Amino acid sequence: MTENDTLFGKIIRREIPATIVYEDEHVLGFKDIAPQAPVHILFIPKQVLIPTLDDLQPEHAELVGRLVLAAAHYAREQGFAEDGYRVVMNCREHAGQTVFHIHLHLLAGTQLGRFGAPV
């Protein structure tokens, strides 16, 4: 694993606690500590540290796909896929990124409002 001293790297290494709800060889999913919906799960790549979406390279396409597939699998497994869910990836501070390790937010469990309004 690439050296990763971010908060998420510490969660991957089990150095700090997290409520892990999904894990496979490539992806870890855990509950957000400040949920924005009744279901708010973060999906992160385990082996590669990529700080932002702008740092992605063509060889990372499969990894990003794995994040999306993991979120969809979790939504189906938990029974809320038919009602709907939202996936979001923030890039840099103005978009709300606070941990510089790419991650996908899965939000569900209620009717979500309009998306994209400025703060």
Protein backbone atom coordinates (compact mmCIF):
# COMPACT_ATOMS: atom_id res chain seq x y z
CA MET A 1 0.00 0.00 0.00
CA THR A 2 1.20 3.50 -0.80
CA GLU A 3 2.19 5.50 2.30
CA ASN A 4 -0.93 7.40 3.33
CA ASP A 5 -1.07 9.57 6.43
CA THR A 6 -4.52 10.95 5.74
CA LEU A 7 -7.43 10.25 8.05
CA PHE A 8 -8.62 7.66 5.55
CA GLY A 9 -5.21 5.98 5.44
CA LYS A 10 -5.42 5.57 9.20
CA ILE A 11 -8.89 4.04 8.86
CA ILE A 12 -7.63 1.61 6.19
CA ARG A 13 -4.82 0.53 8.53
CA ARG A 14 -7.31 0.30 11.45
CA GLU A 15 -5.30 2.86 13.43
CA ILE A 16 -8.46 4.82 14.19
CA PRO A 17 -11.97 3.42 14.52
CA ALA A 18 -14.63 3.59 11.85
CA THR A 19 -17.93 1.80 11.32
CA ILE A 20 -16.96 -0.28 8.31
CA VAL A 21 -19.94 -1.52 6.30
CA TYR A 22 -18.27 -2.70 3.09
CA GLU A 23 -14.87 -4.09 2.19
CA ASP A 24 -13.34 -5.93 -0.70
CA GLU A 25 -9.81 -6.20 -2.07
CA HIS A 26 -9.86 -2.67 -3.53
CA VAL A 27 -12.50 -0.62 -1.69
CA LEU A 28 -13.43 0.20 1.89
CA GLY A 29 -16.83 1.65 2.82
CA PHE A 30 -17.62 3.20 6.19
CA LYS A 31 -20.19 5.49 7.81
CA ASP A 32 -19.52 9.22 7.63
CA ILE A 33 -19.02 10.73 11.09
CA ALA A 34 -21.06 13.82 10.12
CA PRO A 35 -23.88 12.31 8.03
CA GLN A 36 -25.79 14.53 5.61
CA ALA A 37 -28.58 11.94 5.15
CA PRO A 38 -29.89 8.95 7.15
CA VAL A 39 -27.50 6.80 5.09
CA HIS A 40 -24.14 8.43 4.41
CA ILE A 41 -21.35 6.03 3.49
CA LEU A 42 -17.87 6.90 2.21
CA PHE A 43 -16.20 4.56 -0.28
CA ILE A 44 -12.43 4.88 -0.64
CA PRO A 45 -9.69 3.09 -2.59
CA LYS A 46 -7.51 0.99 -0.30
CA GLN A 47 -4.24 0.54 -2.17
CA VAL A 48 -3.62 3.84 -3.94
CA LEU A 49 -3.48 7.36 -2.53
CA ILE A 50 -4.96 9.79 -5.04
CA PRO A 51 -5.52 13.17 -3.36
CA THR A 52 -8.13 14.69 -5.70
CA LEU A 53 -10.08 13.89 -8.84
CA ASP A 54 -7.66 16.20 -10.68
CA ASP A 55 -4.86 13.77 -9.80
CA LEU A 56 -6.54 10.84 -11.56
CA GLN A 57 -4.71 9.27 -14.48
CA PRO A 58 -6.13 6.99 -17.21
CA GLU A 59 -4.82 3.95 -15.34
CA HIS A 60 -7.11 4.84 -12.40
CA ALA A 61 -10.32 4.41 -14.44
CA GLU A 62 -10.91 0.88 -13.16
CA LEU A 63 -10.38 1.98 -9.56
CA VAL A 64 -12.94 4.79 -9.83
CA GLY A 65 -15.33 2.31 -11.43
CA ARG A 66 -14.83 0.01 -8.46
CA LEU A 67 -15.90 2.81 -6.08
CA VAL A 68 -19.13 3.32 -8.04
CA LEU A 69 -19.82 -0.41 -8.28
CA ALA A 70 -19.23 -0.84 -4.54
CA ALA A 71 -21.72 1.95 -3.76
CA ALA A 72 -24.35 0.45 -6.08
CA HIS A 73 -23.82 -3.01 -4.59
CA TYR A 74 -24.22 -1.64 -1.07
CA ALA A 75 -27.42 0.24 -2.05
CA ARG A 76 -28.95 -2.94 -3.47
CA GLU A 77 -27.76 -5.07 -0.55
CA GLN A 78 -29.25 -2.66 2.00
CA GLY A 79 -32.57 -2.43 0.15
CA PHE A 80 -32.72 1.26 -0.72
CA ALA A 81 -31.60 1.12 -4.35
CA GLU A 82 -35.17 1.07 -5.68
CA ASP A 83 -36.08 4.23 -3.73
CA GLY A 84 -32.96 5.95 -5.02
CA TYR A 85 -29.66 7.25 -3.77
CA ARG A 86 -27.07 9.85 -4.65
CA VAL A 87 -23.32 9.48 -5.19
CA VAL A 88 -21.05 12.51 -4.95
CA MET A 89 -17.32 13.08 -5.33
CA ASN A 90 -15.95 16.46 -4.26
CA CYS A 91 -12.77 17.95 -5.67
CA ARG A 92 -10.84 20.47 -3.59
CA GLU A 93 -11.90 22.92 -0.89
CA HIS A 94 -14.53 24.96 -2.78
CA ALA A 95 -16.41 21.76 -3.55
CA GLY A 96 -16.26 20.63 0.08
CA GLN A 97 -13.37 18.16 -0.02
CA THR A 98 -11.82 17.99 3.46
CA VAL A 99 -9.79 14.76 3.24
CA PHE A 100 -7.38 14.64 0.33
CA HIS A 101 -7.82 10.98 -0.56
CA ILE A 102 -10.44 10.51 -3.29
CA HIS A 103 -13.71 9.17 -2.00
CA LEU A 104 -17.29 8.70 -3.06
CA HIS A 105 -20.21 9.71 -0.83
CA LEU A 106 -23.33 7.54 -0.94
CA LEU A 107 -26.40 9.39 0.40
CA ALA A 108 -29.80 7.76 0.87
CA GLY A 109 -32.59 6.99 3.27
CA THR A 110 -34.76 10.03 2.60
CA GLN A 111 -35.95 12.11 -0.32
CA LEU A 112 -32.95 14.28 -1.15
CA GLY A 113 -33.41 17.91 -2.14
CA ARG A 114 -32.13 19.68 -5.21
CA PHE A 115 -28.44 19.29 -5.77
CA GLY A 116 -25.78 21.86 -6.55
CA ALA A 117 -27.04 25.03 -4.89
CA PRO A 118 -24.14 27.24 -3.74
CA VAL A 119 -23.60 27.65 -0.01
